[in-house]
Amino acid sequence: MQQQKIDQIEVLLQFDPSNTLQGIKIHHSTAREGLVEAAQQLFNNGLITQADGGYLTDLGHEASEHLHTAIQLMSPPN
């Protein structure tokens, strides 16, 4: 269960929350299985527009922004 959440976070972090016109594609043939399943779950939960990536929904955009902010807060200061 924990790894599934980490995989979903990893997929969401691939999106650039400052660019709503940029999407991603999880290639089933090259992506590790956990990321394929994570993208499907994010789609099922309404955070992304396609089961293999696509674009962030409004809810997904909010989640992505929060994740990116958390990563910045956990990074050492420059």
Protein backbone atom coordinates (compact mmCIF):
# COMPACT_ATOMS: atom_id res chain seq x y z
CA MET A 1 0.00 0.00 0.00
CA GLN A 2 2.76 2.44 0.91
CA GLN A 3 4.62 1.85 -2.38
CA GLN A 4 1.41 2.53 -4.32
CA LYS A 5 1.16 5.98 -2.74
CA ILE A 6 4.84 6.67 -3.45
CA ASP A 7 4.30 5.67 -7.09
CA GLN A 8 1.31 8.01 -7.34
CA ILE A 9 3.39 10.84 -5.87
CA GLU A 10 6.15 10.06 -8.38
CA VAL A 11 3.68 10.34 -11.26
CA LEU A 12 2.23 13.62 -9.97
CA LEU A 13 5.73 15.08 -9.57
CA GLN A 14 6.34 14.51 -13.28
CA PHE A 15 3.83 17.28 -14.02
CA ASP A 16 4.89 20.92 -14.02
CA PRO A 17 2.18 22.72 -12.02
CA SER A 18 3.23 26.07 -13.52
CA ASN A 19 2.41 24.86 -17.06
CA THR A 20 -1.14 23.58 -17.46
CA LEU A 21 -0.57 22.90 -21.17
CA GLN A 22 2.13 20.30 -20.50
CA GLY A 23 1.01 16.72 -20.06
CA ILE A 24 2.81 13.42 -19.60
CA LYS A 25 2.57 9.95 -21.08
CA ILE A 26 3.30 6.78 -19.12
CA HIS A 27 4.42 4.26 -21.74
CA HIS A 28 3.22 0.80 -20.75
CA SER A 29 6.08 -0.86 -22.62
CA THR A 30 8.88 1.09 -20.89
CA ALA A 31 7.54 2.37 -17.55
CA ARG A 32 7.86 0.18 -14.51
CA GLU A 33 4.65 -1.55 -13.52
CA GLY A 34 4.09 0.52 -10.38
CA LEU A 35 3.95 3.76 -12.36
CA VAL A 36 1.46 2.33 -14.85
CA GLU A 37 -0.80 1.28 -11.98
CA ALA A 38 -0.28 4.62 -10.23
CA ALA A 39 -1.38 6.55 -13.31
CA GLN A 40 -4.47 4.36 -13.59
CA GLN A 41 -5.33 5.03 -9.94
CA LEU A 42 -4.79 8.78 -10.33
CA PHE A 43 -7.12 8.69 -13.34
CA ASN A 44 -9.71 6.67 -11.37
CA ASN A 45 -9.51 9.27 -8.58
CA GLY A 46 -9.99 12.17 -11.01
CA LEU A 47 -6.51 13.72 -10.71
CA ILE A 48 -5.39 13.18 -14.32
CA THR A 49 -7.32 13.12 -17.59
CA GLN A 50 -6.08 9.82 -19.07
CA ALA A 51 -5.29 6.41 -17.60
CA ASP A 52 -1.76 6.70 -19.00
CA GLY A 53 -1.10 10.33 -18.07
CA GLY A 54 -2.61 13.12 -20.07
CA TYR A 55 -3.09 16.38 -18.19
CA LEU A 56 -3.85 17.33 -14.62
CA THR A 57 -7.46 17.96 -13.69
CA ASP A 58 -8.20 20.89 -11.37
CA LEU A 59 -7.94 18.53 -8.40
CA GLY A 60 -4.72 17.02 -9.78
CA HIS A 61 -3.26 20.46 -10.33
CA GLU A 62 -3.91 21.36 -6.71
CA ALA A 63 -2.35 18.09 -5.52
CA SER A 64 0.69 18.60 -7.76
CA GLU A 65 1.22 22.13 -6.47
CA HIS A 66 1.10 20.89 -2.87
CA LEU A 67 3.56 18.09 -3.60
CA HIS A 68 6.02 20.41 -5.33
CA THR A 69 5.77 22.86 -2.43
CA ALA A 70 6.41 20.06 0.08
CA ILE A 71 9.48 18.92 -1.88
CA GLN A 72 10.82 22.50 -1.91
CA LEU A 73 10.27 22.83 1.84
CA MET A 74 12.16 19.58 2.48
CA SER A 75 15.11 20.59 0.28
CA PRO A 76 18.13 22.21 1.89
CA PRO A 77 18.30 25.99 1.46
CA ASN A 78 20.56 27.27 -1.32
